[in-house]
N, C-alpha and C. Protein backbone atom coordinates (compact mmCIF):
# COMPACT_ATOMS: atom_id res chain seq x y z
N MET A 1 0.73 -1.18 0.28
CA MET A 1 0.26 -0.13 0.30
C MET A 1 1.14 1.26 0.04
N LYS A 2 0.45 2.15 -0.43
CA LYS A 2 1.13 3.64 -0.51
C LYS A 2 1.07 3.87 1.08
N LEU A 3 2.14 4.94 1.56
CA LEU A 3 2.22 5.77 2.76
C LEU A 3 1.17 6.46 2.85
N THR A 4 0.82 7.14 1.76
CA THR A 4 -0.83 7.79 1.80
C THR A 4 -1.91 7.58 2.42
N GLN A 5 -1.97 5.73 2.23
CA GLN A 5 -2.89 4.57 2.85
C GLN A 5 -3.06 3.87 3.69
N ALA A 6 -1.83 3.81 4.77
CA ALA A 6 -1.26 3.27 5.76
C ALA A 6 -2.12 3.67 6.86
N PRO A 7 -2.05 3.11 8.11
CA PRO A 7 -2.83 3.39 8.97
C PRO A 7 -1.88 4.19 10.35
N PHE A 8 -2.26 4.70 11.11
CA PHE A 8 -1.43 6.10 11.89
C PHE A 8 -1.26 4.85 13.07
N ASN A 9 -0.19 5.15 13.60
CA ASN A 9 0.54 4.86 15.02
C ASN A 9 0.41 3.10 15.06
N LYS A 10 0.84 2.55 13.80
CA LYS A 10 1.14 1.24 13.67
C LYS A 10 2.53 0.95 13.05
N PRO A 11 3.14 0.12 13.17
CA PRO A 11 4.54 -0.36 12.65
C PRO A 11 4.57 -0.40 11.40
N LEU A 12 5.15 -0.12 10.53
CA LEU A 12 4.81 -0.36 9.28
C LEU A 12 6.53 -0.41 8.56
N LEU A 13 6.27 -0.69 7.42
CA LEU A 13 7.84 -1.54 6.93
C LEU A 13 8.31 -0.50 5.85
N VAL A 14 9.13 0.14 5.31
CA VAL A 14 9.20 0.81 3.85
C VAL A 14 9.74 -0.57 2.58
N ILE A 15 8.82 -0.78 1.75
CA ILE A 15 8.79 -1.50 0.69
C ILE A 15 9.85 -1.49 -0.23
N LYS A 16 9.48 -0.21 -0.99
CA LYS A 16 9.72 0.25 -2.21
C LYS A 16 9.97 1.78 -2.15
N ILE A 17 10.56 2.62 -2.69
CA ILE A 17 10.75 4.16 -3.08
C ILE A 17 10.83 4.27 -4.27
N SER A 18 9.85 5.05 -4.92
CA SER A 18 9.84 4.90 -6.68
C SER A 18 10.62 6.13 -7.12
N ASP A 19 10.87 6.82 -6.93
CA ASP A 19 11.70 7.94 -6.69
C ASP A 19 13.34 7.98 -6.19
N THR A 20 14.32 7.65 -7.29
CA THR A 20 15.49 7.75 -6.28
C THR A 20 16.33 8.80 -5.96
N ALA A 21 15.85 10.17 -6.53
CA ALA A 21 16.20 11.02 -6.05
C ALA A 21 15.39 11.27 -4.67
N LEU A 22 14.23 10.68 -4.30
CA LEU A 22 13.83 10.65 -3.07
C LEU A 22 14.39 9.09 -1.84
N GLU A 23 14.66 8.52 -2.68
CA GLU A 23 15.39 7.47 -1.77
C GLU A 23 16.56 7.67 -1.06
N ILE A 24 17.37 8.45 -2.06
CA ILE A 24 18.76 8.82 -1.88
C ILE A 24 18.25 9.61 -0.13
N LYS A 25 17.70 10.80 -0.76
CA LYS A 25 17.30 11.42 0.71
C LYS A 25 16.99 11.26 1.85
N LEU A 26 16.11 10.06 1.96
CA LEU A 26 15.47 9.17 2.92
C LEU A 26 16.41 8.35 3.54
N LEU A 27 17.39 7.80 2.39
CA LEU A 27 18.68 6.76 3.39
C LEU A 27 19.61 7.88 4.17
N GLU A 28 19.78 9.27 3.87
CA GLU A 28 20.59 9.83 4.66
C GLU A 28 19.64 10.12 5.83
N LEU A 29 18.43 10.09 5.81
CA LEU A 29 17.85 9.92 7.12
C LEU A 29 17.53 9.05 7.91
N GLY A 30 17.99 7.52 7.50
CA GLY A 30 17.41 6.69 8.13
C GLY A 30 16.22 6.28 7.70
N PHE A 31 15.24 6.77 6.46
CA PHE A 31 14.66 5.94 6.36
C PHE A 31 14.71 5.00 4.64
N GLY A 32 15.51 3.91 4.97
CA GLY A 32 15.30 3.12 3.60
C GLY A 32 15.06 1.95 3.56
N VAL A 33 15.06 0.90 2.41
CA VAL A 33 13.92 -0.02 2.19
C VAL A 33 14.09 -0.98 3.74
N ASN A 34 12.92 -1.78 3.83
CA ASN A 34 13.23 -2.73 4.82
C ASN A 34 13.57 -1.86 6.41
N THR A 35 13.24 -0.29 6.00
CA THR A 35 12.76 0.34 7.73
C THR A 35 11.85 0.66 8.20
N GLN A 36 11.97 -0.12 9.47
CA GLN A 36 10.65 0.29 10.31
C GLN A 36 10.35 1.29 10.95
N PHE A 37 8.95 1.68 10.80
CA PHE A 37 8.89 3.07 11.34
C PHE A 37 7.41 3.23 11.67
N ASN A 38 7.02 4.43 12.34
CA ASN A 38 5.59 4.56 12.63
C ASN A 38 4.86 6.03 11.74
N LEU A 39 3.87 5.97 11.38
CA LEU A 39 2.95 7.20 10.77
C LEU A 39 2.86 7.56 11.64
N LEU A 40 2.87 8.83 12.38
CA LEU A 40 2.46 9.48 13.29
C LEU A 40 1.63 10.19 13.15
N ARG A 41 1.27 11.23 12.22
CA ARG A 41 0.37 12.20 11.69
C ARG A 41 0.12 12.83 10.46
N GLN A 42 -0.81 13.00 10.19
CA GLN A 42 -1.01 14.20 9.16
C GLN A 42 -1.38 15.28 8.93
N ALA A 43 -1.07 16.60 8.62
CA ALA A 43 -1.83 17.59 8.85
C ALA A 43 -2.73 18.00 8.21
N PRO A 44 -3.72 18.94 8.29
CA PRO A 44 -5.10 18.98 8.11
C PRO A 44 -4.83 19.52 6.34
N PHE A 45 -6.25 19.28 5.64
CA PHE A 45 -6.25 20.06 4.22
C PHE A 45 -4.95 18.76 3.41
N ASN A 46 -4.65 18.20 3.40
CA ASN A 46 -3.79 17.37 2.91
C ASN A 46 -2.46 17.43 2.78
N GLY A 47 -2.43 18.22 4.04
CA GLY A 47 -0.87 18.65 4.42
C GLY A 47 0.30 17.27 4.76
N PRO A 48 1.69 17.51 5.05
CA PRO A 48 2.89 16.70 5.27
C PRO A 48 2.46 15.40 6.09
N TYR A 49 3.16 14.42 5.80
CA TYR A 49 3.14 13.41 6.91
C TYR A 49 4.49 13.42 8.06
N THR A 50 3.97 12.93 9.25
CA THR A 50 5.26 12.86 10.14
C THR A 50 5.27 11.62 10.39
N LEU A 51 6.64 10.93 10.14
CA LEU A 51 7.54 9.28 10.42
C LEU A 51 8.36 9.74 11.60
N ASN A 52 8.55 8.62 12.38
CA ASN A 52 9.41 8.24 13.37
C ASN A 52 9.84 6.83 13.17
N ASN A 53 11.22 7.16 13.56
CA ASN A 53 12.04 5.77 13.33
C ASN A 53 12.66 5.65 14.58
N GLU A 54 13.36 4.50 15.16
CA GLU A 54 14.18 4.78 16.26
C GLU A 54 14.91 5.88 16.34
N LYS A 55 15.70 6.60 15.17
CA LYS A 55 16.71 7.61 15.00
C LYS A 55 15.99 8.75 14.88
N THR A 56 15.45 9.02 14.34
CA THR A 56 15.13 10.48 13.83
C THR A 56 13.29 10.49 13.51
N GLN A 57 12.70 11.81 13.42
CA GLN A 57 11.40 12.02 12.97
C GLN A 57 11.60 12.85 11.59
N ILE A 58 10.76 12.23 10.73
CA ILE A 58 11.00 13.34 9.61
C ILE A 58 9.41 13.47 9.37
N ILE A 59 9.15 15.00 8.34
CA ILE A 59 8.14 15.44 7.99
C ILE A 59 8.19 15.07 6.57
N LEU A 60 7.27 14.42 5.91
CA LEU A 60 7.24 14.42 3.96
C LEU A 60 6.11 15.11 3.88
N ARG A 61 6.30 15.50 2.68
CA ARG A 61 5.07 16.07 1.60
C ARG A 61 4.34 15.25 1.12
N SER A 62 3.04 14.81 0.94
CA SER A 62 2.02 14.08 0.15
C SER A 62 2.22 13.57 -0.90
N GLU A 63 3.30 14.77 -1.53
CA GLU A 63 3.91 13.78 -3.10
C GLU A 63 4.91 13.21 -3.05
N ASP A 64 5.54 13.21 -2.06
CA ASP A 64 7.02 12.44 -1.49
C ASP A 64 6.02 10.83 -0.93
N ALA A 65 5.07 11.30 -0.23
CA ALA A 65 4.72 10.18 1.01
C ALA A 65 3.90 9.14 -0.05
N ASN A 66 3.28 9.29 -1.03
CA ASN A 66 2.49 8.87 -2.19
C ASN A 66 3.76 8.03 -3.10
N ARG A 67 5.00 8.31 -2.90
CA ARG A 67 5.82 7.25 -3.82
C ARG A 67 6.73 6.41 -2.99
N ILE A 68 6.10 6.35 -1.70
CA ILE A 68 6.72 4.97 -1.02
C ILE A 68 5.53 3.94 -0.63
N GLU A 69 6.14 2.50 -0.66
CA GLU A 69 5.29 1.65 -0.79
C GLU A 69 5.48 0.53 0.29
N VAL A 70 4.87 1.21 1.14
CA VAL A 70 5.03 0.50 2.85
C VAL A 70 3.99 -1.21 3.03
N SER A 71 4.24 -1.64 3.91
CA SER A 71 3.34 -2.74 4.14
C SER A 71 3.44 -2.65 5.94
N ILE A 72 2.50 -3.62 6.57
CA ILE A 72 2.21 -3.83 7.94
C ILE A 72 3.17 -5.11 8.51
N PRO A 73 4.74 -4.79 9.18
CA PRO A 73 5.37 -5.94 9.50
C PRO A 73 4.39 -7.64 10.36
N LEU A 74 4.82 -8.24 9.97
CA LEU A 74 3.93 -9.28 10.86
C LEU A 74 4.29 -9.63 12.27
N SER A 75 3.73 -9.90 12.80
CA SER A 75 4.32 -9.79 14.63
C SER A 75 4.55 -11.59 14.81
N LYS A 76 5.65 -11.04 15.79
CA LYS A 76 6.35 -12.34 16.06
C LYS A 76 5.30 -13.18 17.22
């Protein structure tokens, strides 16, 4: 599913980033493929998304969030 369709406050896993430039920027911030994170919130009126992993918290534009494929990891 796209990040824009993902549930809030649930563990998510990055599966694919469809934009190479965006992928490089996210890797520099600690959000690469197979990275687990939480989607904290979205600002009103289709605003940016706030993501959090163990290392950092970032804010992504809706256009960029739509380029990221995520899944819900299986619980052990």
